[in-house]
Amino acid sequence: MKIQIDDKDLLELINTGRNSKYKQLSKNGKFMKSLSRVIGLMRIVERASDLSAYNFLHYERLKGKNGLSSVRVVNGMVERIIFRELNGGIEIIVLELNREHYGNKK
């Protein structure tokens, strides 16, 4: 599937493993390994709804957020990748790495 990452800081974190905005997360090896795994899965599925086959991602379409969906990065952590599905879920635009999912504050 085609993925476009609009968040420059997240793209830098994925490509280099470092970013000042996500400094704490970049030091977490478990998070970084899982982030790479999730992005890889997003690239290989045919459409976004296929992500629901991977239970650990907790893929969901966000209610009240027109066309937005999310997947969990690491089990037990609140960070979610928020993205917009285009062309019936065949294209994804990653908007942000959200750290306040369901009102959880870090």
PDB file of N, CA and C in Angstrom:
ATOM      1  N   MET A   1       0.852  -1.165   0.000  1.00  0.00           N
ATOM      2  CA  MET A   1       0.000   0.000   0.000  1.00  0.00           C
ATOM      3  C   MET A   1       0.900   1.232   0.000  1.00  0.00           C
ATOM      4  N   LYS A   2       0.409   2.266  -0.597  1.00  0.00           N
ATOM      5  CA  LYS A   2       1.155   3.519  -0.663  1.00  0.00           C
ATOM      6  C   LYS A   2       0.992   4.281   0.655  1.00  0.00           C
ATOM      7  N   ILE A   3       2.114   4.701   1.227  1.00  0.00           N
ATOM      8  CA  ILE A   3       2.093   5.451   2.484  1.00  0.00           C
ATOM      9  C   ILE A   3       2.838   6.762   2.289  1.00  0.00           C
ATOM     10  N   GLN A   4       2.215   7.832   2.722  1.00  0.00           N
ATOM     11  CA  GLN A   4       2.845   9.160   2.721  1.00  0.00           C
ATOM     12  C   GLN A   4       2.858   9.635   4.163  1.00  0.00           C
ATOM     13  N   ILE A   5       3.981  10.113   4.646  1.00  0.00           N
ATOM     14  CA  ILE A   5       4.088  10.573   6.030  1.00  0.00           C
ATOM     15  C   ILE A   5       4.210  12.090   6.018  1.00  0.00           C
ATOM     16  N   ASP A   6       3.173  12.765   6.513  1.00  0.00           N
ATOM     17  CA  ASP A   6       3.145  14.231   6.516  1.00  0.00           C
ATOM     18  C   ASP A   6       3.862  14.846   7.720  1.00  0.00           C
ATOM     19  N   ASP A   7       3.999  14.097   8.794  1.00  0.00           N
ATOM     20  CA  ASP A   7       4.661  14.594  10.003  1.00  0.00           C
ATOM     21  C   ASP A   7       6.180  14.489   9.805  1.00  0.00           C
ATOM     22  N   LYS A   8       6.844  15.642   9.578  1.00  0.00           N
ATOM     23  CA  LYS A   8       8.287  15.649   9.321  1.00  0.00           C
ATOM     24  C   LYS A   8       9.076  15.022  10.475  1.00  0.00           C
ATOM     25  N   ASP A   9       8.642  15.302  11.701  1.00  0.00           N
ATOM     26  CA  ASP A   9       9.353  14.773  12.865  1.00  0.00           C
ATOM     27  C   ASP A   9       9.239  13.246  12.933  1.00  0.00           C
ATOM     28  N   LEU A  10       8.054  12.733  12.646  1.00  0.00           N
ATOM     29  CA  LEU A  10       7.857  11.282  12.655  1.00  0.00           C
ATOM     30  C   LEU A  10       8.666  10.628  11.535  1.00  0.00           C
ATOM     31  N   LEU A  11       8.698  11.241  10.369  1.00  0.00           N
ATOM     32  CA  LEU A  11       9.479  10.712   9.249  1.00  0.00           C
ATOM     33  C   LEU A  11      10.960  10.651   9.612  1.00  0.00           C
ATOM     34  N   GLU A  12      11.462  11.700  10.255  1.00  0.00           N
ATOM     35  CA  GLU A  12      12.859  11.717  10.699  1.00  0.00           C
ATOM     36  C   GLU A  12      13.114  10.610  11.722  1.00  0.00           C
ATOM     37  N   LEU A  13      12.179  10.424  12.646  1.00  0.00           N
ATOM     38  CA  LEU A  13      12.311   9.375  13.660  1.00  0.00           C
ATOM     39  C   LEU A  13      12.370   8.000  13.005  1.00  0.00           C
ATOM     40  N   ILE A  14      11.519   7.765  12.006  1.00  0.00           N
ATOM     41  CA  ILE A  14      11.495   6.480  11.315  1.00  0.00           C
ATOM     42  C   ILE A  14      12.786   6.265  10.530  1.00  0.00           C
ATOM     43  N   ASN A  15      13.238   7.279   9.829  1.00  0.00           N
ATOM     44  CA  ASN A  15      14.408   7.137   8.953  1.00  0.00           C
ATOM     45  C   ASN A  15      15.737   7.116   9.689  1.00  0.00           C
ATOM     46  N   THR A  16      15.863   7.917  10.743  1.00  0.00           N
ATOM     47  CA  THR A  16      17.163   8.037  11.416  1.00  0.00           C
ATOM     48  C   THR A  16      17.183   7.446  12.821  1.00  0.00           C
ATOM     49  N   GLY A  17      16.001   7.269  13.409  1.00  0.00           N
ATOM     50  CA  GLY A  17      15.952   6.782  14.782  1.00  0.00           C
ATOM     51  C   GLY A  17      16.128   7.885  15.808  1.00  0.00           C
ATOM     52  N   ARG A  18      16.173   9.129  15.342  1.00  0.00           N
ATOM     53  CA  ARG A  18      16.364  10.269  16.238  1.00  0.00           C
ATOM     54  C   ARG A  18      15.473  11.420  15.817  1.00  0.00           C
ATOM     55  N   ASN A  19      15.020  12.173  16.808  1.00  0.00           N
ATOM     56  CA  ASN A  19      14.270  13.392  16.553  1.00  0.00           C
ATOM     57  C   ASN A  19      14.095  14.106  17.877  1.00  0.00           C
ATOM     58  N   SER A  20      14.244  15.421  17.874  1.00  0.00           N
ATOM     59  CA  SER A  20      14.157  16.173  19.129  1.00  0.00           C
ATOM     60  C   SER A  20      12.737  16.175  19.701  1.00  0.00           C
ATOM     61  N   LYS A  21      11.725  16.202  18.854  1.00  0.00           N
ATOM     62  CA  LYS A  21      10.343  16.192  19.338  1.00  0.00           C
ATOM     63  C   LYS A  21      10.018  14.869  20.030  1.00  0.00           C
ATOM     64  N   TYR A  22      10.547  13.782  19.527  1.00  0.00           N
ATOM     65  CA  TYR A  22      10.278  12.444  20.072  1.00  0.00           C
ATOM     66  C   TYR A  22      11.521  11.878  20.758  1.00  0.00           C
ATOM     67  N   LYS A  23      12.265  12.723  21.441  1.00  0.00           N
ATOM     68  CA  LYS A  23      13.528  12.326  22.053  1.00  0.00           C
ATOM     69  C   LYS A  23      13.367  11.151  23.023  1.00  0.00           C
ATOM     70  N   GLN A  24      12.353  11.222  23.901  1.00  0.00           N
ATOM     71  CA  GLN A  24      12.138  10.149  24.874  1.00  0.00           C
ATOM     72  C   GLN A  24      11.826   8.836  24.180  1.00  0.00           C
ATOM     73  N   LEU A  25      10.979   8.880  23.155  1.00  0.00           N
ATOM     74  CA  LEU A  25      10.604   7.659  22.445  1.00  0.00           C
ATOM     75  C   LEU A  25      11.781   7.085  21.662  1.00  0.00           C
ATOM     76  N   SER A  26      12.646   7.938  21.137  1.00  0.00           N
ATOM     77  CA  SER A  26      13.779   7.455  20.349  1.00  0.00           C
ATOM     78  C   SER A  26      14.768   6.673  21.218  1.00  0.00           C
ATOM     79  N   LYS A  27      14.758   6.907  22.513  1.00  0.00           N
ATOM     80  CA  LYS A  27      15.633   6.179  23.439  1.00  0.00           C
ATOM     81  C   LYS A  27      15.059   4.825  23.833  1.00  0.00           C
ATOM     82  N   ASN A  28      13.778   4.596  23.532  1.00  0.00           N
ATOM     83  CA  ASN A  28      13.101   3.358  23.892  1.00  0.00           C
ATOM     84  C   ASN A  28      13.252   2.349  22.751  1.00  0.00           C
ATOM     85  N   GLY A  29      14.143   1.392  22.922  1.00  0.00           N
ATOM     86  CA  GLY A  29      14.417   0.405  21.879  1.00  0.00           C
ATOM     87  C   GLY A  29      13.199  -0.409  21.492  1.00  0.00           C
ATOM     88  N   LYS A  30      12.391  -0.775  22.475  1.00  0.00           N
ATOM     89  CA  LYS A  30      11.177  -1.548  22.205  1.00  0.00           C
ATOM     90  C   LYS A  30      10.223  -0.741  21.322  1.00  0.00           C
ATOM     91  N   PHE A  31      10.077   0.536  21.621  1.00  0.00           N
ATOM     92  CA  PHE A  31       9.205   1.391  20.833  1.00  0.00           C
ATOM     93  C   PHE A  31       9.713   1.519  19.405  1.00  0.00           C
ATOM     94  N   MET A  32      11.000   1.765  19.246  1.00  0.00           N
ATOM     95  CA  MET A  32      11.569   1.969  17.918  1.00  0.00           C
ATOM     96  C   MET A  32      11.442   0.712  17.056  1.00  0.00           C
ATOM     97  N   LYS A  33      11.673  -0.441  17.655  1.00  0.00           N
ATOM     98  CA  LYS A  33      11.546  -1.703  16.917  1.00  0.00           C
ATOM     99  C   LYS A  33      10.092  -1.909  16.488  1.00  0.00           C
ATOM    100  N   SER A  34       9.171  -1.630  17.388  1.00  0.00           N
ATOM    101  CA  SER A  34       7.756  -1.795  17.091  1.00  0.00           C
ATOM    102  C   SER A  34       7.279  -0.788  16.051  1.00  0.00           C
ATOM    103  N   LEU A  35       7.765   0.454  16.119  1.00  0.00           N
ATOM    104  CA  LEU A  35       7.403   1.475  15.136  1.00  0.00           C
ATOM    105  C   LEU A  35       7.802   1.025  13.734  1.00  0.00           C
ATOM    106  N   SER A  36       9.001   0.489  13.604  1.00  0.00           N
ATOM    107  CA  SER A  36       9.478  -0.013  12.321  1.00  0.00           C
ATOM    108  C   SER A  36       8.600  -1.158  11.834  1.00  0.00           C
ATOM    109  N   ARG A  37       8.227  -2.030  12.743  1.00  0.00           N
ATOM    110  CA  ARG A  37       7.367  -3.174  12.407  1.00  0.00           C
ATOM    111  C   ARG A  37       5.991  -2.716  11.927  1.00  0.00           C
ATOM    112  N   VAL A  38       5.396  -1.752  12.619  1.00  0.00           N
ATOM    113  CA  VAL A  38       4.066  -1.253  12.260  1.00  0.00           C
ATOM    114  C   VAL A  38       4.090  -0.581  10.888  1.00  0.00           C
ATOM    115  N   ILE A  39       5.080   0.270  10.642  1.00  0.00           N
ATOM    116  CA  ILE A  39       5.192   0.938   9.339  1.00  0.00           C
ATOM    117  C   ILE A  39       5.385  -0.104   8.245  1.00  0.00           C
ATOM    118  N   GLY A  40       6.177  -1.127   8.510  1.00  0.00           N
ATOM    119  CA  GLY A  40       6.376  -2.215   7.546  1.00  0.00           C
ATOM    120  C   GLY A  40       5.077  -2.942   7.229  1.00  0.00           C
ATOM    121  N   LEU A  41       4.281  -3.224   8.256  1.00  0.00           N
ATOM    122  CA  LEU A  41       2.982  -3.875   8.041  1.00  0.00           C
ATOM    123  C   LEU A  41       2.046  -2.989   7.239  1.00  0.00           C
ATOM    124  N   MET A  42       2.077  -1.688   7.512  1.00  0.00           N
ATOM    125  CA  MET A  42       1.221  -0.766   6.779  1.00  0.00           C
ATOM    126  C   MET A  42       1.598  -0.749   5.294  1.00  0.00           C
ATOM    127  N   ARG A  43       2.859  -0.967   5.003  1.00  0.00           N
ATOM    128  CA  ARG A  43       3.305  -0.962   3.605  1.00  0.00           C
ATOM    129  C   ARG A  43       2.915  -2.239   2.862  1.00  0.00           C
ATOM    130  N   ILE A  44       2.839  -3.377   3.560  1.00  0.00           N
ATOM    131  CA  ILE A  44       2.608  -4.637   2.854  1.00  0.00           C
ATOM    132  C   ILE A  44       1.133  -5.008   2.688  1.00  0.00           C
ATOM    133  N   VAL A  45       0.241  -4.463   3.512  1.00  0.00           N
ATOM    134  CA  VAL A  45      -1.173  -4.812   3.361  1.00  0.00           C
ATOM    135  C   VAL A  45      -1.746  -4.142   2.111  1.00  0.00           C
ATOM    136  N   GLU A  46      -2.793  -4.741   1.571  1.00  0.00           N
ATOM    137  CA  GLU A  46      -3.394  -4.207   0.349  1.00  0.00           C
ATOM    138  C   GLU A  46      -4.274  -2.998   0.606  1.00  0.00           C
ATOM    139  N   ARG A  47      -4.946  -2.988   1.741  1.00  0.00           N
ATOM    140  CA  ARG A  47      -5.792  -1.848   2.107  1.00  0.00           C
ATOM    141  C   ARG A  47      -5.770  -1.706   3.625  1.00  0.00           C
ATOM    142  N   ALA A  48      -6.105  -0.521   4.090  1.00  0.00           N
ATOM    143  CA  ALA A  48      -5.998  -0.211   5.515  1.00  0.00           C
ATOM    144  C   ALA A  48      -6.827  -1.149   6.384  1.00  0.00           C
ATOM    145  N   SER A  49      -7.998  -1.555   5.925  1.00  0.00           N
ATOM    146  CA  SER A  49      -8.848  -2.438   6.727  1.00  0.00           C
ATOM    147  C   SER A  49      -8.190  -3.791   6.996  1.00  0.00           C
ATOM    148  N   ASP A  50      -7.209  -4.178   6.175  1.00  0.00           N
ATOM    149  CA  ASP A  50      -6.483  -5.433   6.396  1.00  0.00           C
ATOM    150  C   ASP A  50      -5.638  -5.389   7.669  1.00  0.00           C
ATOM    151  N   LEU A  51      -5.395  -4.197   8.185  1.00  0.00           N
ATOM    152  CA  LEU A  51      -4.626  -4.065   9.435  1.00  0.00           C
ATOM    153  C   LEU A  51      -5.374  -4.670  10.616  1.00  0.00           C
ATOM    154  N   SER A  52      -6.694  -4.819  10.502  1.00  0.00           N
ATOM    155  CA  SER A  52      -7.480  -5.403  11.598  1.00  0.00           C
ATOM    156  C   SER A  52      -7.140  -6.873  11.816  1.00  0.00           C
ATOM    157  N   ALA A  53      -6.507  -7.516  10.849  1.00  0.00           N
ATOM    158  CA  ALA A  53      -6.098  -8.912  11.003  1.00  0.00           C
ATOM    159  C   ALA A  53      -4.971  -9.056  12.031  1.00  0.00           C
ATOM    160  N   TYR A  54      -4.268  -7.965  12.295  1.00  0.00           N
ATOM    161  CA  TYR A  54      -3.186  -7.963  13.284  1.00  0.00           C
ATOM    162  C   TYR A  54      -3.746  -7.387  14.581  1.00  0.00           C
ATOM    163  N   ASN A  55      -4.188  -8.261  15.470  1.00  0.00           N
ATOM    164  CA  ASN A  55      -4.869  -7.836  16.697  1.00  0.00           C
ATOM    165  C   ASN A  55      -4.057  -6.874  17.547  1.00  0.00           C
ATOM    166  N   PHE A  56      -2.735  -7.059  17.588  1.00  0.00           N
ATOM    167  CA  PHE A  56      -1.898  -6.222  18.447  1.00  0.00           C
ATOM    168  C   PHE A  56      -1.876  -4.764  18.004  1.00  0.00           C
ATOM    169  N   LEU A  57      -2.272  -4.482  16.756  1.00  0.00           N
ATOM    170  CA  LEU A  57      -2.301  -3.100  16.277  1.00  0.00           C
ATOM    171  C   LEU A  57      -3.522  -2.330  16.778  1.00  0.00           C
ATOM    172  N   HIS A  58      -4.579  -3.043  17.122  1.00  0.00           N
ATOM    173  CA  HIS A  58      -5.836  -2.416  17.541  1.00  0.00           C
ATOM    174  C   HIS A  58      -6.273  -1.344  16.535  1.00  0.00           C
ATOM    175  N   TYR A  59      -6.275  -1.730  15.253  1.00  0.00           N
ATOM    176  CA  TYR A  59      -6.710  -0.828  14.191  1.00  0.00           C
ATOM    177  C   TYR A  59      -8.153  -0.408  14.434  1.00  0.00           C
ATOM    178  N   GLU A  60      -8.418   0.888  14.299  1.00  0.00           N
ATOM    179  CA  GLU A  60      -9.789   1.373  14.434  1.00  0.00           C
ATOM    180  C   GLU A  60      -9.985   2.647  13.639  1.00  0.00           C
ATOM    181  N   ARG A  61     -11.187   2.775  13.115  1.00  0.00           N
ATOM    182  CA  ARG A  61     -11.595   4.037  12.506  1.00  0.00           C
ATOM    183  C   ARG A  61     -12.075   4.920  13.646  1.00  0.00           C
ATOM    184  N   LEU A  62     -11.592   6.124  13.706  1.00  0.00           N
ATOM    185  CA  LEU A  62     -11.919   7.012  14.816  1.00  0.00           C
ATOM    186  C   LEU A  62     -13.287   7.652  14.605  1.00  0.00           C
ATOM    187  N   LYS A  63     -14.131   7.496  15.584  1.00  0.00           N
ATOM    188  CA  LYS A  63     -15.488   8.059  15.507  1.00  0.00           C
ATOM    189  C   LYS A  63     -15.427   9.570  15.668  1.00  0.00           C
ATOM    190  N   GLY A  64     -16.214  10.255  14.850  1.00  0.00           N
ATOM    191  CA  GLY A  64     -16.257  11.711  14.928  1.00  0.00           C
ATOM    192  C   GLY A  64     -15.052  12.399  14.316  1.00  0.00           C
ATOM    193  N   LYS A  65     -14.159  11.633  13.741  1.00  0.00           N
ATOM    194  CA  LYS A  65     -12.944  12.184  13.099  1.00  0.00           C
ATOM    195  C   LYS A  65     -12.997  11.770  11.639  1.00  0.00           C
ATOM    196  N   ASN A  66     -13.626  12.546  10.832  1.00  0.00           N
ATOM    197  CA  ASN A  66     -13.932  12.228   9.447  1.00  0.00           C
ATOM    198  C   ASN A  66     -12.760  11.587   8.693  1.00  0.00           C
ATOM    199  N   GLY A  67     -12.839  10.284   8.479  1.00  0.00           N
ATOM    200  CA  GLY A  67     -11.843   9.570   7.686  1.00  0.00           C
ATOM    201  C   GLY A  67     -10.545   9.235   8.390  1.00  0.00           C
ATOM    202  N   LEU A  68     -10.441   9.487   9.684  1.00  0.00           N
ATOM    203  CA  LEU A  68      -9.199   9.182  10.400  1.00  0.00           C
ATOM    204  C   LEU A  68      -9.267   7.801  11.028  1.00  0.00           C
ATOM    205  N   SER A  69      -8.115   7.152  11.077  1.00  0.00           N
ATOM    206  CA  SER A  69      -7.986   5.839  11.697  1.00  0.00           C
ATOM    207  C   SER A  69      -6.731   5.839  12.548  1.00  0.00           C
ATOM    208  N   SER A  70      -6.577   4.791  13.379  1.00  0.00           N
ATOM    209  CA  SER A  70      -5.373   4.709  14.197  1.00  0.00           C
ATOM    210  C   SER A  70      -4.952   3.262  14.388  1.00  0.00           C
ATOM    211  N   VAL A  71      -3.665   3.084  14.672  1.00  0.00           N
ATOM    212  CA  VAL A  71      -3.112   1.793  15.074  1.00  0.00           C
ATOM    213  C   VAL A  71      -2.189   2.034  16.264  1.00  0.00           C
ATOM    214  N   ARG A  72      -2.124   1.039  17.129  1.00  0.00           N
ATOM    215  CA  ARG A  72      -1.256   1.138  18.299  1.00  0.00           C
ATOM    216  C   ARG A  72       0.161   0.753  17.892  1.00  0.00           C
ATOM    217  N   VAL A  73       1.133   1.416  18.477  1.00  0.00           N
ATOM    218  CA  VAL A  73       2.526   1.112  18.161  1.00  0.00           C
ATOM    219  C   VAL A  73       3.053   0.002  19.069  1.00  0.00           C
ATOM    220  N   VAL A  74       2.888   0.144  20.390  1.00  0.00           N
ATOM    221  CA  VAL A  74       3.398  -0.840  21.347  1.00  0.00           C
ATOM    222  C   VAL A  74       2.290  -1.197  22.325  1.00  0.00           C
ATOM    223  N   ASN A  75       2.126  -2.487  22.564  1.00  0.00           N
ATOM    224  CA  ASN A  75       1.146  -2.940  23.536  1.00  0.00           C
ATOM    225  C   ASN A  75       1.485  -2.381  24.915  1.00  0.00           C
ATOM    226  N   GLY A  76       0.516  -1.786  25.566  1.00  0.00           N
ATOM    227  CA  GLY A  76       0.730  -1.231  26.896  1.00  0.00           C
ATOM    228  C   GLY A  76       1.163   0.227  26.906  1.00  0.00           C
ATOM    229  N   MET A  77       1.363   0.814  25.731  1.00  0.00           N
ATOM    230  CA  MET A  77       1.724   2.227  25.642  1.00  0.00           C
ATOM    231  C   MET A  77       0.592   2.961  24.933  1.00  0.00           C
ATOM    232  N   VAL A  78       0.426   4.247  25.198  1.00  0.00           N
ATOM    233  CA  VAL A  78      -0.692   5.004  24.637  1.00  0.00           C
ATOM    234  C   VAL A  78      -0.430   5.531  23.226  1.00  0.00           C
ATOM    235  N   GLU A  79       0.801   5.523  22.762  1.00  0.00           N
ATOM    236  CA  GLU A  79       1.126   6.103  21.460  1.00  0.00           C
ATOM    237  C   GLU A  79       0.418   5.369  20.319  1.00  0.00           C
ATOM    238  N   ARG A  80      -0.223   6.158  19.466  1.00  0.00           N
ATOM    239  CA  ARG A  80      -0.926   5.632  18.298  1.00  0.00           C
ATOM    240  C   ARG A  80      -0.490   6.404  17.062  1.00  0.00           C
ATOM    241  N   ILE A  81      -0.457   5.729  15.933  1.00  0.00           N
ATOM    242  CA  ILE A  81      -0.232   6.396  14.661  1.00  0.00           C
ATOM    243  C   ILE A  81      -1.609   6.763  14.124  1.00  0.00           C
ATOM    244  N   ILE A  82      -1.823   8.043  13.899  1.00  0.00           N
ATOM    245  CA  ILE A  82      -3.088   8.537  13.360  1.00  0.00           C
ATOM    246  C   ILE A  82      -2.888   8.767  11.867  1.00  0.00           C
ATOM    247  N   PHE A  83      -3.811   8.224  11.056  1.00  0.00           N
ATOM    248  CA  PHE A  83      -3.676   8.370   9.616  1.00  0.00           C
ATOM    249  C   PHE A  83      -5.025   8.535   8.933  1.00  0.00           C
ATOM    250  N   ARG A  84      -4.977   9.046   7.712  1.00  0.00           N
ATOM    251  CA  ARG A  84      -6.168   9.243   6.878  1.00  0.00           C
ATOM    252  C   ARG A  84      -6.122   8.218   5.758  1.00  0.00           C
ATOM    253  N   GLU A  85      -7.248   7.554   5.526  1.00  0.00           N
ATOM    254  CA  GLU A  85      -7.357   6.579   4.449  1.00  0.00           C
ATOM    255  C   GLU A  85      -7.898   7.252   3.196  1.00  0.00           C
ATOM    256  N   LEU A  86      -7.276   6.968   2.062  1.00  0.00           N
ATOM    257  CA  LEU A  86      -7.710   7.516   0.782  1.00  0.00           C
ATOM    258  C   LEU A  86      -7.976   6.381  -0.205  1.00  0.00           C
ATOM    259  N   ASN A  87      -8.795   6.649  -1.195  1.00  0.00           N
ATOM    260  CA  ASN A  87      -9.091   5.676  -2.260  1.00  0.00           C
ATOM    261  C   ASN A  87      -9.513   4.321  -1.705  1.00  0.00           C
ATOM    262  N   GLY A  88     -10.454   4.339  -0.785  1.00  0.00           N
ATOM    263  CA  GLY A  88     -10.953   3.083  -0.223  1.00  0.00           C
ATOM    264  C   GLY A  88      -9.951   2.360   0.648  1.00  0.00           C
ATOM    265  N   GLY A  89      -9.022   3.093   1.234  1.00  0.00           N
ATOM    266  CA  GLY A  89      -8.046   2.488   2.136  1.00  0.00           C
ATOM    267  C   GLY A  89      -6.801   1.971   1.442  1.00  0.00           C
ATOM    268  N   ILE A  90      -6.646   2.261   0.155  1.00  0.00           N
ATOM    269  CA  ILE A  90      -5.482   1.786  -0.581  1.00  0.00           C
ATOM    270  C   ILE A  90      -4.284   2.705  -0.359  1.00  0.00           C
ATOM    271  N   GLU A  91      -4.531   3.950  -0.042  1.00  0.00           N
ATOM    272  CA  GLU A  91      -3.465   4.901   0.261  1.00  0.00           C
ATOM    273  C   GLU A  91      -3.648   5.394   1.693  1.00  0.00           C
ATOM    274  N   ILE A  92      -2.544   5.648   2.363  1.00  0.00           N
ATOM    275  CA  ILE A  92      -2.566   6.153   3.738  1.00  0.00           C
ATOM    276  C   ILE A  92      -1.702   7.399   3.818  1.00  0.00           C
ATOM    277  N   ILE A  93      -2.222   8.417   4.473  1.00  0.00           N
ATOM    278  CA  ILE A  93      -1.415   9.593   4.800  1.00  0.00           C
ATOM    279  C   ILE A  93      -1.269   9.614   6.316  1.00  0.00           C
ATOM    280  N   VAL A  94      -0.058   9.368   6.800  1.00  0.00           N
ATOM    281  CA  VAL A  94       0.201   9.373   8.239  1.00  0.00           C
ATOM    282  C   VAL A  94       0.287  10.816   8.699  1.00  0.00           C
ATOM    283  N   LEU A  95      -0.575  11.173   9.634  1.00  0.00           N
ATOM    284  CA  LEU A  95      -0.658  12.552  10.078  1.00  0.00           C
ATOM    285  C   LEU A  95       0.181  12.833  11.313  1.00  0.00           C
ATOM    286  N   GLU A  96       0.166  11.910  12.279  1.00  0.00           N
ATOM    287  CA  GLU A  96       0.873  12.198  13.529  1.00  0.00           C
ATOM    288  C   GLU A  96       1.072  10.950  14.359  1.00  0.00           C
ATOM    289  N   LEU A  97       1.941  11.069  15.338  1.00  0.00           N
ATOM    290  CA  LEU A  97       2.104  10.075  16.380  1.00  0.00           C
ATOM    291  C   LEU A  97       1.431  10.681  17.600  1.00  0.00           C
ATOM    292  N   ASN A  98       0.274  10.155  17.954  1.00  0.00           N
ATOM    293  CA  ASN A  98      -0.538  10.732  19.017  1.00  0.00           C
ATOM    294  C   ASN A  98      -0.160  10.112  20.354  1.00  0.00           C
ATOM    295  N   ARG A  99       0.053  10.954  21.357  1.00  0.00           N
ATOM    296  CA  ARG A  99       0.458  10.495  22.686  1.00  0.00           C
ATOM    297  C   ARG A  99      -0.633  10.702  23.728  1.00  0.00           C
ATOM    298  N   GLU A 100      -1.840  11.071  23.289  1.00  0.00           N
ATOM    299  CA  GLU A 100      -2.931  11.340  24.232  1.00  0.00           C
ATOM    300  C   GLU A 100      -4.180  10.546  23.875  1.00  0.00           C
ATOM    301  N   HIS A 101      -4.024   9.352  23.385  1.00  0.00           N
ATOM    302  CA  HIS A 101      -5.143   8.532  22.954  1.00  0.00           C
ATOM    303  C   HIS A 101      -6.071   8.233  24.119  1.00  0.00           C
ATOM    304  N   TYR A 102      -7.361   8.368  23.861  1.00  0.00           N
ATOM    305  CA  TYR A 102      -8.399   8.138  24.887  1.00  0.00           C
ATOM    306  C   TYR A 102      -8.196   8.995  26.123  1.00  0.00           C
ATOM    307  N   GLY A 103      -7.608  10.154  25.966  1.00  0.00           N
ATOM    308  CA  GLY A 103      -7.472  11.068  27.081  1.00  0.00           C
ATOM    309  C   GLY A 103      -6.308  10.778  27.999  1.00  0.00           C
ATOM    310  N   ASN A 104      -5.523   9.730  27.707  1.00  0.00           N
ATOM    311  CA  ASN A 104      -4.352   9.445  28.526  1.00  0.00           C
ATOM    312  C   ASN A 104      -3.318  10.533  28.323  1.00  0.00           C
ATOM    313  N   LYS A 105      -2.777  11.041  29.390  1.00  0.00           N
ATOM    314  CA  LYS A 105      -1.770  12.105  29.312  1.00  0.00           C
ATOM    315  C   LYS A 105      -0.454  11.567  29.832  1.00  0.00           C
ATOM    316  N   LYS A 106       0.618  11.899  29.154  1.00  0.00           N
ATOM    317  CA  LYS A 106       1.961  11.486  29.620  1.00  0.00           C
ATOM    318  C   LYS A 106       2.727  12.698  30.045  1.00  0.00           C
TER     319      LYS A 106
END
